[in-house]
PDB file of N, CA and C in Angstrom:
ATOM      1  N   UNK A   1       0.848  -1.187   0.000  1.00  0.00           N
ATOM      2  CA  UNK A   1       0.000   0.000   0.000  1.00  0.00           C
ATOM      3  C   UNK A   1       0.888   1.243   0.000  1.00  0.00           C
ATOM      4  N   UNK A   2       0.621   2.132  -0.924  1.00  0.00           N
ATOM      5  CA  UNK A   2       1.328   3.408  -0.985  1.00  0.00           C
ATOM      6  C   UNK A   2       0.486   4.472  -0.317  1.00  0.00           C
ATOM      7  N   UNK A   3       1.161   5.392   0.350  1.00  0.00           N
ATOM      8  CA  UNK A   3       0.453   6.489   0.994  1.00  0.00           C
ATOM      9  C   UNK A   3       1.086   7.820   0.607  1.00  0.00           C
ATOM     10  N   UNK A   4       0.275   8.849   0.688  1.00  0.00           N
ATOM     11  CA  UNK A   4       0.708  10.223   0.495  1.00  0.00           C
ATOM     12  C   UNK A   4       0.251  10.998   1.723  1.00  0.00           C
ATOM     13  N   UNK A   5       0.798  12.170   1.908  1.00  0.00           N
ATOM     14  CA  UNK A   5       0.403  13.042   3.014  1.00  0.00           C
ATOM     15  C   UNK A   5      -0.469  14.166   2.463  1.00  0.00           C
ATOM     16  N   UNK A   6      -1.660  14.306   3.033  1.00  0.00           N
ATOM     17  CA  UNK A   6      -2.569  15.391   2.653  1.00  0.00           C
ATOM     18  C   UNK A   6      -1.868  16.698   3.024  1.00  0.00           C
ATOM     19  N   UNK A   7      -1.612  17.600   2.046  1.00  0.00           N
ATOM     20  CA  UNK A   7      -0.881  18.832   2.346  1.00  0.00           C
ATOM     21  C   UNK A   7      -1.656  19.819   3.213  1.00  0.00           C
ATOM     22  N   UNK A   8      -2.953  19.633   3.355  1.00  0.00           N
ATOM     23  CA  UNK A   8      -3.779  20.555   4.139  1.00  0.00           C
ATOM     24  C   UNK A   8      -3.791  20.168   5.612  1.00  0.00           C
ATOM     25  N   UNK A   9      -4.099  18.891   5.897  1.00  0.00           N
ATOM     26  CA  UNK A   9      -4.254  18.471   7.292  1.00  0.00           C
ATOM     27  C   UNK A   9      -3.123  17.590   7.808  1.00  0.00           C
ATOM     28  N   UNK A  10      -2.299  17.049   6.908  1.00  0.00           N
ATOM     29  CA  UNK A  10      -1.184  16.217   7.320  1.00  0.00           C
ATOM     30  C   UNK A  10      -1.511  14.746   7.506  1.00  0.00           C
ATOM     31  N   UNK A  11      -2.745  14.340   7.227  1.00  0.00           N
ATOM     32  CA  UNK A  11      -3.127  12.932   7.380  1.00  0.00           C
ATOM     33  C   UNK A  11      -2.518  12.079   6.273  1.00  0.00           C
ATOM     34  N   UNK A  12      -2.281  10.805   6.595  1.00  0.00           N
ATOM     35  CA  UNK A  12      -1.859   9.851   5.580  1.00  0.00           C
ATOM     36  C   UNK A  12      -3.072   9.458   4.748  1.00  0.00           C
ATOM     37  N   UNK A  13      -2.882   9.392   3.439  1.00  0.00           N
ATOM     38  CA  UNK A  13      -3.948   9.061   2.507  1.00  0.00           C
ATOM     39  C   UNK A  13      -3.468   7.902   1.645  1.00  0.00           C
ATOM     40  N   UNK A  14      -4.271   6.851   1.564  1.00  0.00           N
ATOM     41  CA  UNK A  14      -3.924   5.719   0.717  1.00  0.00           C
ATOM     42  C   UNK A  14      -4.076   6.121  -0.747  1.00  0.00           C
ATOM     43  N   UNK A  15      -3.072   5.796  -1.539  1.00  0.00           N
ATOM     44  CA  UNK A  15      -3.103   6.105  -2.967  1.00  0.00           C
ATOM     45  C   UNK A  15      -3.782   4.956  -3.698  1.00  0.00           C
ATOM     46  N   UNK A  16      -4.904   5.274  -4.345  1.00  0.00           N
ATOM     47  CA  UNK A  16      -5.629   4.301  -5.159  1.00  0.00           C
ATOM     48  C   UNK A  16      -6.427   5.061  -6.209  1.00  0.00           C
ATOM     49  N   UNK A  17      -7.017   4.340  -7.140  1.00  0.00           N
ATOM     50  CA  UNK A  17      -7.699   4.964  -8.281  1.00  0.00           C
ATOM     51  C   UNK A  17      -8.851   5.886  -7.900  1.00  0.00           C
ATOM     52  N   UNK A  18      -9.539   5.610  -6.796  1.00  0.00           N
ATOM     53  CA  UNK A  18     -10.704   6.416  -6.413  1.00  0.00           C
ATOM     54  C   UNK A  18     -10.356   7.542  -5.429  1.00  0.00           C
ATOM     55  N   UNK A  19      -9.095   7.694  -5.093  1.00  0.00           N
ATOM     56  CA  UNK A  19      -8.680   8.717  -4.126  1.00  0.00           C
ATOM     57  C   UNK A  19      -8.941  10.123  -4.673  1.00  0.00           C
ATOM     58  N   UNK A  20      -9.190  11.052  -3.753  1.00  0.00           N
ATOM     59  CA  UNK A  20      -9.367  12.455  -4.132  1.00  0.00           C
ATOM     60  C   UNK A  20      -7.997  13.054  -4.421  1.00  0.00           C
ATOM     61  N   UNK A  21      -7.828  13.605  -5.611  1.00  0.00           N
ATOM     62  CA  UNK A  21      -6.544  14.182  -6.001  1.00  0.00           C
ATOM     63  C   UNK A  21      -6.746  15.503  -6.718  1.00  0.00           C
ATOM     64  N   UNK A  22      -5.671  16.255  -6.785  1.00  0.00           N
ATOM     65  CA  UNK A  22      -5.641  17.469  -7.592  1.00  0.00           C
ATOM     66  C   UNK A  22      -4.254  17.590  -8.180  1.00  0.00           C
ATOM     67  N   UNK A  23      -4.183  18.016  -9.417  1.00  0.00           N
ATOM     68  CA  UNK A  23      -2.907  18.312 -10.058  1.00  0.00           C
ATOM     69  C   UNK A  23      -2.816  19.813 -10.209  1.00  0.00           C
ATOM     70  N   UNK A  24      -1.725  20.360  -9.734  1.00  0.00           N
ATOM     71  CA  UNK A  24      -1.501  21.806  -9.757  1.00  0.00           C
ATOM     72  C   UNK A  24      -0.253  22.098 -10.591  1.00  0.00           C
ATOM     73  N   UNK A  25      -0.308  23.134 -11.412  1.00  0.00           N
ATOM     74  CA  UNK A  25       0.870  23.590 -12.149  1.00  0.00           C
ATOM     75  C   UNK A  25       1.737  24.369 -11.165  1.00  0.00           C
ATOM     76  N   UNK A  26       2.528  23.641 -10.398  1.00  0.00           N
ATOM     77  CA  UNK A  26       3.342  24.244  -9.345  1.00  0.00           C
ATOM     78  C   UNK A  26       4.387  25.189  -9.922  1.00  0.00           C
ATOM     79  N   UNK A  27       4.864  24.913 -11.123  1.00  0.00           N
ATOM     80  CA  UNK A  27       5.890  25.748 -11.733  1.00  0.00           C
ATOM     81  C   UNK A  27       5.443  27.202 -11.870  1.00  0.00           C
ATOM     82  N   UNK A  28       4.141  27.434 -11.933  1.00  0.00           N
ATOM     83  CA  UNK A  28       3.631  28.803 -12.095  1.00  0.00           C
ATOM     84  C   UNK A  28       3.425  29.527 -10.756  1.00  0.00           C
ATOM     85  N   UNK A  29       3.649  28.850  -9.639  1.00  0.00           N
ATOM     86  CA  UNK A  29       3.433  29.450  -8.320  1.00  0.00           C
ATOM     87  C   UNK A  29       4.717  30.065  -7.776  1.00  0.00           C
ATOM     88  N   UNK A  30       4.582  31.058  -6.927  1.00  0.00           N
ATOM     89  CA  UNK A  30       5.760  31.723  -6.360  1.00  0.00           C
ATOM     90  C   UNK A  30       6.569  30.804  -5.446  1.00  0.00           C
ATOM     91  N   UNK A  31       5.955  29.753  -4.916  1.00  0.00           N
ATOM     92  CA  UNK A  31       6.670  28.841  -4.014  1.00  0.00           C
ATOM     93  C   UNK A  31       7.391  27.716  -4.770  1.00  0.00           C
ATOM     94  N   UNK A  32       7.318  27.702  -6.093  1.00  0.00           N
ATOM     95  CA  UNK A  32       7.847  26.600  -6.899  1.00  0.00           C
ATOM     96  C   UNK A  32       9.299  26.264  -6.584  1.00  0.00           C
ATOM     97  N   UNK A  33      10.129  27.257  -6.395  1.00  0.00           N
ATOM     98  CA  UNK A  33      11.557  27.006  -6.157  1.00  0.00           C
ATOM     99  C   UNK A  33      11.942  27.152  -4.688  1.00  0.00           C
ATOM    100  N   UNK A  34      10.974  27.291  -3.833  1.00  0.00           N
ATOM    101  CA  UNK A  34      11.223  27.475  -2.400  1.00  0.00           C
ATOM    102  C   UNK A  34      11.804  26.193  -1.785  1.00  0.00           C
ATOM    103  N   UNK A  35      12.967  26.293  -1.150  1.00  0.00           N
ATOM    104  CA  UNK A  35      13.532  25.109  -0.499  1.00  0.00           C
ATOM    105  C   UNK A  35      12.607  24.617   0.617  1.00  0.00           C
ATOM    106  N   UNK A  36      12.398  23.318   0.678  1.00  0.00           N
ATOM    107  CA  UNK A  36      11.601  22.741   1.740  1.00  0.00           C
ATOM    108  C   UNK A  36      10.102  22.816   1.567  1.00  0.00           C
ATOM    109  N   UNK A  37       9.634  23.312   0.432  1.00  0.00           N
ATOM    110  CA  UNK A  37       8.188  23.386   0.219  1.00  0.00           C
ATOM    111  C   UNK A  37       7.615  21.982   0.092  1.00  0.00           C
ATOM    112  N   UNK A  38       6.329  21.855   0.335  1.00  0.00           N
ATOM    113  CA  UNK A  38       5.655  20.573   0.165  1.00  0.00           C
ATOM    114  C   UNK A  38       5.636  20.228  -1.312  1.00  0.00           C
ATOM    115  N   UNK A  39       6.058  19.018  -1.633  1.00  0.00           N
ATOM    116  CA  UNK A  39       6.105  18.580  -3.024  1.00  0.00           C
ATOM    117  C   UNK A  39       5.130  17.428  -3.239  1.00  0.00           C
ATOM    118  N   UNK A  40       4.532  17.410  -4.388  1.00  0.00           N
ATOM    119  CA  UNK A  40       3.661  16.308  -4.757  1.00  0.00           C
ATOM    120  C   UNK A  40       4.389  15.364  -5.700  1.00  0.00           C
ATOM    121  N   UNK A  41       3.666  14.437  -6.247  1.00  0.00           N
ATOM    122  CA  UNK A  41       4.228  13.518  -7.229  1.00  0.00           C
ATOM    123  C   UNK A  41       4.174  14.174  -8.603  1.00  0.00           C
ATOM    124  N   UNK A  42       5.242  14.111  -9.369  1.00  0.00           N
ATOM    125  CA  UNK A  42       5.205  14.686 -10.718  1.00  0.00           C
ATOM    126  C   UNK A  42       4.069  14.069 -11.535  1.00  0.00           C
ATOM    127  N   UNK A  43       3.354  14.912 -12.254  1.00  0.00           N
ATOM    128  CA  UNK A  43       2.273  14.438 -13.121  1.00  0.00           C
ATOM    129  C   UNK A  43       2.751  14.589 -14.563  1.00  0.00           C
ATOM    130  N   UNK A  44       3.047  13.481 -15.235  1.00  0.00           N
ATOM    131  CA  UNK A  44       3.584  13.564 -16.594  1.00  0.00           C
ATOM    132  C   UNK A  44       2.601  14.139 -17.620  1.00  0.00           C
ATOM    133  N   UNK A  45       1.343  14.256 -17.248  1.00  0.00           N
ATOM    134  CA  UNK A  45       0.345  14.789 -18.170  1.00  0.00           C
ATOM    135  C   UNK A  45       0.219  16.303 -18.137  1.00  0.00           C
ATOM    136  N   UNK A  46       0.882  16.954 -17.159  1.00  0.00           N
ATOM    137  CA  UNK A  46       0.788  18.406 -17.009  1.00  0.00           C
ATOM    138  C   UNK A  46       2.198  18.968 -16.846  1.00  0.00           C
ATOM    139  N   UNK A  47       2.610  19.832 -17.768  1.00  0.00           N
ATOM    140  CA  UNK A  47       3.936  20.437 -17.678  1.00  0.00           C
ATOM    141  C   UNK A  47       4.048  21.229 -16.378  1.00  0.00           C
ATOM    142  N   UNK A  48       5.041  20.904 -15.560  1.00  0.00           N
ATOM    143  CA  UNK A  48       5.219  21.587 -14.286  1.00  0.00           C
ATOM    144  C   UNK A  48       4.216  21.163 -13.236  1.00  0.00           C
ATOM    145  N   UNK A  49       3.421  20.160 -13.551  1.00  0.00           N
ATOM    146  CA  UNK A  49       2.352  19.735 -12.649  1.00  0.00           C
ATOM    147  C   UNK A  49       2.794  18.735 -11.605  1.00  0.00           C
ATOM    148  N   UNK A  50       2.195  18.854 -10.435  1.00  0.00           N
ATOM    149  CA  UNK A  50       2.397  17.904  -9.356  1.00  0.00           C
ATOM    150  C   UNK A  50       1.030  17.471  -8.849  1.00  0.00           C
ATOM    151  N   UNK A  51       0.930  16.198  -8.501  1.00  0.00           N
ATOM    152  CA  UNK A  51      -0.338  15.622  -8.044  1.00  0.00           C
ATOM    153  C   UNK A  51      -0.305  15.460  -6.530  1.00  0.00           C
ATOM    154  N   UNK A  52      -1.422  15.827  -5.899  1.00  0.00           N
ATOM    155  CA  UNK A  52      -1.560  15.751  -4.446  1.00  0.00           C
ATOM    156  C   UNK A  52      -2.805  14.944  -4.109  1.00  0.00           C
ATOM    157  N   UNK A  53      -2.768  14.238  -2.981  1.00  0.00           N
ATOM    158  CA  UNK A  53      -3.877  13.397  -2.526  1.00  0.00           C
ATOM    159  C   UNK A  53      -4.479  13.994  -1.267  1.00  0.00           C
ATOM    160  N   UNK A  54      -5.798  13.780  -1.076  1.00  0.00           N
ATOM    161  CA  UNK A  54      -6.517  14.404   0.027  1.00  0.00           C
ATOM    162  C   UNK A  54      -7.383  13.401   0.768  1.00  0.00           C
ATOM    163  N   UNK A  55      -7.542  13.642   2.077  1.00  0.00           N
ATOM    164  CA  UNK A  55      -8.339  12.747   2.925  1.00  0.00           C
ATOM    165  C   UNK A  55      -9.830  12.928   2.698  1.00  0.00           C
ATOM    166  N   UNK A  56     -10.233  14.112   2.296  1.00  0.00           N
ATOM    167  CA  UNK A  56     -11.646  14.402   2.110  1.00  0.00           C
ATOM    168  C   UNK A  56     -11.860  15.620   1.231  1.00  0.00           C
ATOM    169  N   UNK A  57     -13.111  15.840   0.899  1.00  0.00           N
ATOM    170  CA  UNK A  57     -13.485  16.932   0.002  1.00  0.00           C
ATOM    171  C   UNK A  57     -13.119  18.313   0.565  1.00  0.00           C
ATOM    172  N   UNK A  58     -13.256  18.504   1.882  1.00  0.00           N
ATOM    173  CA  UNK A  58     -12.938  19.800   2.484  1.00  0.00           C
ATOM    174  C   UNK A  58     -11.484  20.179   2.274  1.00  0.00           C
ATOM    175  N   UNK A  59     -10.591  19.236   2.503  1.00  0.00           N
ATOM    176  CA  UNK A  59      -9.164  19.516   2.306  1.00  0.00           C
ATOM    177  C   UNK A  59      -8.859  19.780   0.833  1.00  0.00           C
ATOM    178  N   UNK A  60      -9.481  19.014  -0.057  1.00  0.00           N
ATOM    179  CA  UNK A  60      -9.291  19.224  -1.492  1.00  0.00           C
ATOM    180  C   UNK A  60      -9.726  20.630  -1.894  1.00  0.00           C
ATOM    181  N   UNK A  61     -10.903  21.048  -1.450  1.00  0.00           N
ATOM    182  CA  UNK A  61     -11.418  22.375  -1.813  1.00  0.00           C
ATOM    183  C   UNK A  61     -10.564  23.493  -1.227  1.00  0.00           C
ATOM    184  N   UNK A  62     -10.127  23.325   0.028  1.00  0.00           N
ATOM    185  CA  UNK A  62      -9.244  24.333   0.632  1.00  0.00           C
ATOM    186  C   UNK A  62      -7.960  24.471  -0.179  1.00  0.00           C
ATOM    187  N   UNK A  63      -7.394  23.336  -0.574  1.00  0.00           N
ATOM    188  CA  UNK A  63      -6.157  23.348  -1.348  1.00  0.00           C
ATOM    189  C   UNK A  63      -6.358  24.035  -2.694  1.00  0.00           C
ATOM    190  N   UNK A  64      -7.457  23.729  -3.359  1.00  0.00           N
ATOM    191  CA  UNK A  64      -7.717  24.343  -4.663  1.00  0.00           C
ATOM    192  C   UNK A  64      -7.895  25.851  -4.556  1.00  0.00           C
ATOM    193  N   UNK A  65      -8.403  26.333  -3.416  1.00  0.00           N
ATOM    194  CA  UNK A  65      -8.574  27.771  -3.204  1.00  0.00           C
ATOM    195  C   UNK A  65      -7.250  28.485  -2.958  1.00  0.00           C
ATOM    196  N   UNK A  66      -6.338  27.835  -2.229  1.00  0.00           N
ATOM    197  CA  UNK A  66      -5.084  28.488  -1.818  1.00  0.00           C
ATOM    198  C   UNK A  66      -3.886  27.534  -1.885  1.00  0.00           C
ATOM    199  N   UNK A  67      -3.537  27.019  -3.051  1.00  0.00           N
ATOM    200  CA  UNK A  67      -2.448  26.042  -3.099  1.00  0.00           C
ATOM    201  C   UNK A  67      -1.121  26.577  -2.565  1.00  0.00           C
ATOM    202  N   UNK A  68      -0.814  27.837  -2.820  1.00  0.00           N
ATOM    203  CA  UNK A  68       0.469  28.384  -2.345  1.00  0.00           C
ATOM    204  C   UNK A  68       0.572  28.356  -0.825  1.00  0.00           C
ATOM    205  N   UNK A  69      -0.532  28.596  -0.153  1.00  0.00           N
ATOM    206  CA  UNK A  69      -0.533  28.573   1.316  1.00  0.00           C
ATOM    207  C   UNK A  69      -0.105  27.207   1.832  1.00  0.00           C
ATOM    208  N   UNK A  70      -0.662  26.144   1.247  1.00  0.00           N
ATOM    209  CA  UNK A  70      -0.414  24.798   1.744  1.00  0.00           C
ATOM    210  C   UNK A  70       0.899  24.196   1.256  1.00  0.00           C
ATOM    211  N   UNK A  71       1.470  24.751   0.190  1.00  0.00           N
ATOM    212  CA  UNK A  71       2.748  24.257  -0.312  1.00  0.00           C
ATOM    213  C   UNK A  71       3.928  25.002   0.278  1.00  0.00           C
ATOM    214  N   UNK A  72       3.693  26.137   0.892  1.00  0.00           N
ATOM    215  CA  UNK A  72       4.748  26.945   1.490  1.00  0.00           C
ATOM    216  C   UNK A  72       5.515  26.134   2.543  1.00  0.00           C
ATOM    217  N   UNK A  73       6.831  26.269   2.543  1.00  0.00           N
ATOM    218  CA  UNK A  73       7.680  25.525   3.472  1.00  0.00           C
ATOM    219  C   UNK A  73       7.343  25.840   4.932  1.00  0.00           C
ATOM    220  N   UNK A  74       6.826  27.008   5.215  1.00  0.00           N
ATOM    221  CA  UNK A  74       6.507  27.402   6.586  1.00  0.00           C
ATOM    222  C   UNK A  74       5.162  26.916   7.070  1.00  0.00           C
ATOM    223  N   UNK A  75       4.335  26.360   6.187  1.00  0.00           N
ATOM    224  CA  UNK A  75       3.008  25.910   6.602  1.00  0.00           C
ATOM    225  C   UNK A  75       3.106  24.629   7.412  1.00  0.00           C
ATOM    226  N   UNK A  76       2.402  24.602   8.536  1.00  0.00           N
ATOM    227  CA  UNK A  76       2.335  23.422   9.396  1.00  0.00           C
ATOM    228  C   UNK A  76       0.901  22.914   9.429  1.00  0.00           C
ATOM    229  N   UNK A  77       0.645  21.705   8.873  1.00  0.00           N
ATOM    230  CA  UNK A  77      -0.720  21.173   8.944  1.00  0.00           C
ATOM    231  C   UNK A  77      -1.169  21.026  10.390  1.00  0.00           C
ATOM    232  N   UNK A  78      -2.433  21.347  10.635  1.00  0.00           N
ATOM    233  CA  UNK A  78      -2.942  21.306  12.012  1.00  0.00           C
ATOM    234  C   UNK A  78      -3.474  19.946  12.390  1.00  0.00           C
ATOM    235  N   UNK A  79      -3.606  19.057  11.416  1.00  0.00           N
ATOM    236  CA  UNK A  79      -4.181  17.731  11.698  1.00  0.00           C
ATOM    237  C   UNK A  79      -5.689  17.815  11.737  1.00  0.00           C
ATOM    238  N   UNK A  80      -6.303  16.663  11.805  1.00  0.00           N
ATOM    239  CA  UNK A  80      -7.761  16.612  11.805  1.00  0.00           C
ATOM    240  C   UNK A  80      -8.259  16.291  13.204  1.00  0.00           C
TER     241      UNK A  80
END
């Protein structure tokens, strides 16, 4: 079983076909080259894209609203 860390809440999320995910063009964000930023899995279908997994719809929607906030190296997930 492979797992990813939800960048919003910090929970472990099992990676499978039905998992909630989002691909973001991280290369276009100001945090793209920031050392220590949260990184996702490279998405070969999107230039500069990284894929992230989420525990639930709320975390996914929060991330889609403010991806830079959650990818910033200084962000600390609060947990669920």
